[in-house]
Amino acid sequence: MAGTDFPDDLRAAQTRLHQATSELAALCRSLPWSVEPMPGRPGTEHPHTGVVTGGREASPGWTEDQKQAVKRLRMECTDQSIRVAAHP
């Protein structure tokens, strides 16, 4: 809406929520597919084309630092969401 002024603290919280969500998504994209070490699995070969689909490489799991970074960002996203949703 044109002309609607939102409080600066609400705008700052919303901006930080967007930033934290973006940081969390980028971090999760960079991590191995499994939190715990897991063996890979072969894909399935299509009977007519021979194209192999599915399957995964082995996952080394996440390090403790990676787990803590994800936890920190998730908590920040939750806190900022509450701050925005419950803003008076």
Protein backbone atom coordinates (compact mmCIF):
# COMPACT_ATOMS: atom_id res chain seq x y z
CA MET A 1 0.00 0.00 0.00
CA ALA A 2 1.30 3.40 -0.89
CA GLY A 3 1.80 5.71 2.03
CA THR A 4 1.92 3.01 4.70
CA ASP A 5 4.77 3.61 7.12
CA PHE A 6 6.02 0.59 8.98
CA PRO A 7 8.10 0.98 12.14
CA ASP A 8 11.86 0.85 11.59
CA ASP A 9 12.31 -2.04 14.03
CA LEU A 10 9.71 -4.11 12.16
CA ARG A 11 11.36 -3.40 8.82
CA ALA A 12 14.77 -4.29 10.27
CA ALA A 13 13.44 -7.56 11.69
CA GLN A 14 11.81 -8.48 8.37
CA THR A 15 15.03 -7.68 6.50
CA ARG A 16 17.09 -9.78 8.91
CA LEU A 17 14.57 -12.63 8.56
CA HIS A 18 15.02 -12.57 4.79
CA GLN A 19 18.80 -12.51 5.17
CA ALA A 20 18.87 -15.37 7.68
CA THR A 21 16.53 -17.46 5.52
CA SER A 22 18.74 -16.87 2.51
CA GLU A 23 21.89 -17.75 4.48
CA LEU A 24 20.27 -20.95 5.76
CA ALA A 25 19.15 -22.01 2.29
CA ALA A 26 22.61 -21.36 0.83
CA LEU A 27 24.28 -23.28 3.65
CA CYS A 28 21.94 -26.27 3.29
CA ARG A 29 22.56 -26.39 -0.48
CA SER A 30 26.30 -26.61 0.18
CA LEU A 31 26.09 -29.44 2.74
CA PRO A 32 26.18 -33.19 2.08
CA TRP A 33 22.75 -34.73 1.53
CA SER A 34 22.77 -36.62 4.85
CA VAL A 35 23.47 -35.23 8.31
CA GLU A 36 24.94 -38.58 9.39
CA PRO A 37 27.46 -40.53 7.29
CA MET A 38 25.52 -42.75 4.88
CA PRO A 39 26.55 -45.07 2.08
CA GLY A 40 25.53 -44.17 -1.44
CA ARG A 41 23.14 -46.18 -3.57
CA PRO A 42 23.18 -46.99 -7.25
CA GLY A 43 20.74 -45.49 -9.69
CA THR A 44 18.23 -47.35 -11.81
CA GLU A 45 19.01 -48.00 -15.44
CA HIS A 46 16.15 -47.41 -17.85
CA PRO A 47 15.59 -50.66 -19.79
CA HIS A 48 15.22 -49.00 -23.20
CA THR A 49 17.53 -46.00 -23.10
CA GLY A 50 20.20 -47.17 -20.68
CA VAL A 51 20.04 -43.81 -18.90
CA VAL A 52 20.78 -44.15 -15.19
CA THR A 53 18.57 -42.03 -12.94
CA GLY A 54 18.36 -41.67 -9.20
CA GLY A 55 21.07 -42.94 -6.94
CA ARG A 56 23.30 -40.95 -4.63
CA GLU A 57 26.95 -40.75 -3.84
CA ALA A 58 28.07 -41.59 -0.30
CA SER A 59 27.60 -38.82 2.25
CA PRO A 60 30.37 -38.06 4.74
CA GLY A 61 27.79 -36.42 7.02
CA TRP A 62 27.95 -32.98 8.54
CA THR A 63 30.71 -31.74 10.82
CA GLU A 64 29.85 -30.42 14.27
CA ASP A 65 30.55 -26.88 13.04
CA GLN A 66 28.10 -27.36 10.16
CA LYS A 67 25.44 -28.74 12.51
CA GLN A 68 25.89 -25.76 14.84
CA ALA A 69 25.71 -23.27 11.96
CA VAL A 70 22.42 -24.79 10.74
CA LYS A 71 21.03 -24.82 14.28
CA ARG A 72 22.04 -21.18 14.84
CA LEU A 73 20.44 -20.01 11.59
CA ARG A 74 17.25 -22.01 12.22
CA MET A 75 16.95 -20.47 15.68
CA GLU A 76 17.54 -17.00 14.25
CA CYS A 77 14.87 -17.56 11.58
CA THR A 78 12.43 -18.69 14.27
CA ASP A 79 13.22 -15.73 16.52
CA GLN A 80 12.89 -13.22 13.69
CA SER A 81 9.63 -14.82 12.53
CA ILE A 82 8.19 -14.44 16.01
CA ARG A 83 9.45 -10.86 16.22
CA VAL A 84 7.76 -9.98 12.91
CA ALA A 85 4.52 -11.87 13.52
CA ALA A 86 4.05 -10.62 17.08
CA HIS A 87 5.05 -7.01 16.41
CA PRO A 88 2.50 -4.68 17.99
